[in-house]
Amino acid sequence: LQLSVPNQELHFVCAIKTCPAKMTCPIMIMKGFLLISLIFNIRVNICKAVLTTEQFLYNFKMMVQDWFNESQTSSRYYVLQKVKGTVIYENYMSTDFEFKRSNCTKHQMPVHLVREKYGCFAIDSEDLKHIMKCTVLHNGCMVALQTLNNFAAQCHHGDSSALHEIEKLFPDKY
């Protein structure tokens, strides 16, 4: 009997000499098959969990990108290039994102279609004035970002510092 599992081949020989004294060959084969099935199912379930996590993170990134593009006033959309890190507070998380200007415009398509699979990609990628950096607050990953974030206060151009952007927001204070 030969059982095939992706990337593996297992051979069981049914002969009196290969079976323990109290066990018949069909029972050995069945135990081997069940063990292979268990290993295969564990491997498949781990792969599904990884894919589910990757899809979840992708959806979160696209939600942040959509929030950013709905909030900014440029005629061009921006694409999310980097997630720089997350700080976990008691009730919220704070994540730094870097966006780069894309080849897609607001005239061409709605915000939810600004995706690589639809041909949107970063242009002027090394020009700091076309890079935006945002610190986004969130509670979990699928909360409405508009309720926690103020685009003008949390996003700034790559060629300026956060302090410079705050000074622009409140010119009388500084």
Protein backbone atom coordinates (compact mmCIF):
# COMPACT_ATOMS: atom_id res chain seq x y z
CA LEU A 1 0.00 0.00 0.00
CA GLN A 2 1.35 3.42 -0.90
CA LEU A 3 -0.08 6.67 0.48
CA SER A 4 0.86 10.01 -1.03
CA VAL A 5 0.84 13.29 0.84
CA PRO A 6 2.11 16.48 -0.82
CA ASN A 7 5.91 16.60 -0.55
CA GLN A 8 5.95 13.18 1.14
CA GLU A 9 5.56 9.57 0.17
CA LEU A 10 5.03 6.85 2.72
CA HIS A 11 5.16 3.16 1.95
CA PHE A 12 3.63 0.46 4.09
CA VAL A 13 4.48 -3.15 3.40
CA CYS A 14 1.96 -5.70 4.46
CA ALA A 15 3.89 -8.78 5.36
CA ILE A 16 3.77 -10.94 8.43
CA LYS A 17 7.35 -10.01 9.38
CA THR A 18 6.68 -6.23 9.47
CA CYS A 19 3.70 -6.37 11.83
CA PRO A 20 4.01 -6.75 15.60
CA ALA A 21 2.85 -10.09 16.94
CA LYS A 22 -0.49 -8.87 18.36
CA MET A 23 -1.35 -6.49 15.49
CA THR A 24 -2.55 -7.31 12.02
CA CYS A 25 -1.30 -5.45 8.96
CA PRO A 26 -4.61 -3.69 8.19
CA ILE A 27 -4.56 -2.14 11.68
CA MET A 28 -0.96 -0.93 11.13
CA ILE A 29 -1.98 0.56 7.80
CA MET A 30 -5.01 2.26 9.35
CA LYS A 31 -2.92 3.73 12.19
CA GLY A 32 -0.35 4.97 9.67
CA PHE A 33 -3.08 6.49 7.52
CA LEU A 34 -4.67 8.21 10.53
CA LEU A 35 -1.29 9.60 11.61
CA ILE A 36 -0.63 10.94 8.11
CA SER A 37 -4.13 12.44 7.97
CA LEU A 38 -3.61 14.11 11.34
CA ILE A 39 -0.24 15.57 10.30
CA PHE A 40 -1.67 16.74 6.97
CA ASN A 41 -4.70 18.36 8.66
CA ILE A 42 -2.50 20.14 11.20
CA ARG A 43 -0.27 21.45 8.39
CA VAL A 44 -3.31 22.61 6.35
CA ASN A 45 -4.90 24.32 9.37
CA ILE A 46 -1.66 26.17 10.19
CA CYS A 47 -1.45 27.36 6.57
CA LYS A 48 -5.08 28.54 6.71
CA ALA A 49 -4.38 30.43 9.94
CA VAL A 50 -1.36 32.14 8.38
CA LEU A 51 -3.37 33.09 5.30
CA THR A 52 -6.21 34.36 7.47
CA THR A 53 -3.79 36.51 9.51
CA GLU A 54 -2.14 37.86 6.35
CA GLN A 55 -5.56 38.70 4.88
CA PHE A 56 -6.60 40.38 8.13
CA LEU A 57 -3.46 42.54 8.17
CA TYR A 58 -3.89 43.38 4.48
CA ASN A 59 -7.49 44.47 5.14
CA PHE A 60 -6.35 46.66 8.04
CA LYS A 61 -3.65 48.29 5.91
CA MET A 62 -6.14 48.98 3.12
CA MET A 63 -8.61 50.45 5.64
CA VAL A 64 -5.88 52.84 6.85
CA GLN A 65 -4.92 53.69 3.26
CA ASP A 66 -8.58 54.43 2.41
CA TRP A 67 -8.94 56.63 5.52
CA PHE A 68 -5.78 58.51 4.53
CA ASN A 69 -6.92 59.04 0.93
CA GLU A 70 -10.39 60.19 2.01
CA SER A 71 -8.82 62.69 4.41
CA GLN A 72 -6.09 64.24 2.27
CA THR A 73 -6.86 66.94 -0.30
CA SER A 74 -4.34 66.17 -3.05
CA SER A 75 -5.65 65.28 -6.51
CA ARG A 76 -3.51 62.14 -6.41
CA TYR A 77 -4.02 59.17 -4.18
CA TYR A 78 -1.30 57.84 -1.90
CA VAL A 79 -0.37 54.20 -1.36
CA LEU A 80 0.76 52.70 1.90
CA GLN A 81 4.45 51.86 1.68
CA LYS A 82 5.56 51.03 5.23
CA VAL A 83 4.15 50.17 8.60
CA LYS A 84 6.87 51.42 10.90
CA GLY A 85 5.74 50.07 14.25
CA THR A 86 2.99 49.88 16.82
CA VAL A 87 2.97 51.10 20.40
CA ILE A 88 0.37 49.51 22.66
CA TYR A 89 -1.19 51.73 25.30
CA GLU A 90 -3.75 50.74 27.92
CA ASN A 91 -6.81 51.31 25.71
CA TYR A 92 -5.39 52.10 22.27
CA MET A 93 -2.66 51.26 19.84
CA SER A 94 -0.62 53.81 17.93
CA THR A 95 0.89 52.78 14.61
CA ASP A 96 3.19 54.77 12.32
CA PHE A 97 2.49 54.56 8.59
CA GLU A 98 4.34 55.95 5.60
CA PHE A 99 2.44 56.80 2.41
CA LYS A 100 3.86 57.68 -1.00
CA ARG A 101 2.15 59.53 -3.82
CA SER A 102 0.72 57.17 -6.42
CA ASN A 103 0.10 57.23 -10.14
CA CYS A 104 -3.69 57.03 -9.55
CA THR A 105 -5.79 60.18 -9.34
CA LYS A 106 -9.10 60.95 -7.67
CA HIS A 107 -10.53 61.67 -11.12
CA GLN A 108 -9.69 58.13 -12.35
CA MET A 109 -11.20 55.94 -9.65
CA PRO A 110 -12.89 55.80 -6.24
CA VAL A 111 -10.78 55.42 -3.12
CA HIS A 112 -11.58 51.73 -2.53
CA LEU A 113 -9.97 50.79 -5.87
CA VAL A 114 -6.57 52.29 -5.02
CA ARG A 115 -4.82 48.94 -4.91
CA GLU A 116 -1.72 47.46 -6.49
CA LYS A 117 -3.86 44.87 -8.28
CA TYR A 118 -5.66 47.72 -10.07
CA GLY A 119 -2.40 49.33 -11.19
CA CYS A 120 -1.80 51.87 -8.42
CA PHE A 121 1.80 52.15 -7.29
CA ALA A 122 4.15 54.71 -5.75
CA ILE A 123 5.76 57.38 -7.91
CA ASP A 124 8.29 60.02 -6.85
CA SER A 125 9.22 57.52 -4.16
CA GLU A 126 12.43 59.26 -3.08
CA ASP A 127 11.05 62.81 -3.10
CA LEU A 128 10.33 63.62 0.56
CA LYS A 129 7.72 66.25 -0.26
CA HIS A 130 5.56 63.47 -1.78
CA ILE A 131 5.88 61.21 1.26
CA MET A 132 3.37 61.51 4.09
CA LYS A 133 3.85 60.04 7.55
CA CYS A 134 0.97 59.44 9.93
CA THR A 135 0.61 58.20 13.46
CA VAL A 136 -2.77 56.50 13.59
CA LEU A 137 -4.63 55.63 16.78
CA HIS A 138 -6.77 52.52 16.76
CA ASN A 139 -8.49 50.21 19.16
CA GLY A 140 -8.00 46.83 17.60
CA CYS A 141 -7.76 46.69 13.86
CA MET A 142 -11.24 47.15 12.48
CA VAL A 143 -12.49 50.24 14.31
CA ALA A 144 -13.67 53.31 12.38
CA LEU A 145 -10.54 55.45 12.15
CA GLN A 146 -12.47 58.70 11.70
CA THR A 147 -13.70 58.57 15.28
CA LEU A 148 -10.19 58.42 16.77
CA ASN A 149 -8.04 60.39 14.37
CA ASN A 150 -7.58 63.94 13.15
CA PHE A 151 -5.81 63.80 9.80
CA ALA A 152 -4.38 67.32 10.05
CA ALA A 153 -2.88 66.72 13.50
CA GLN A 154 -1.49 63.25 12.91
CA CYS A 155 -0.04 63.37 9.39
CA HIS A 156 2.89 65.37 8.08
CA HIS A 157 5.09 65.53 4.99
CA GLY A 158 8.25 63.48 4.88
CA ASP A 159 10.36 66.60 4.38
CA SER A 160 9.19 68.25 7.59
CA SER A 161 9.08 67.33 11.22
CA ALA A 162 5.98 66.73 13.30
CA LEU A 163 6.82 69.84 15.34
CA HIS A 164 6.88 71.96 12.17
CA GLU A 165 3.44 70.61 11.20
CA ILE A 166 2.03 71.36 14.68
CA GLU A 167 3.37 74.90 14.43
CA LYS A 168 1.54 75.28 11.10
CA LEU A 169 -1.71 74.13 12.72
CA PHE A 170 -1.44 76.58 15.63
CA PRO A 171 0.51 79.61 14.34
CA ASP A 172 -0.58 81.92 17.23
CA LYS A 173 0.80 79.57 19.89
CA TYR A 174 4.39 79.38 18.63
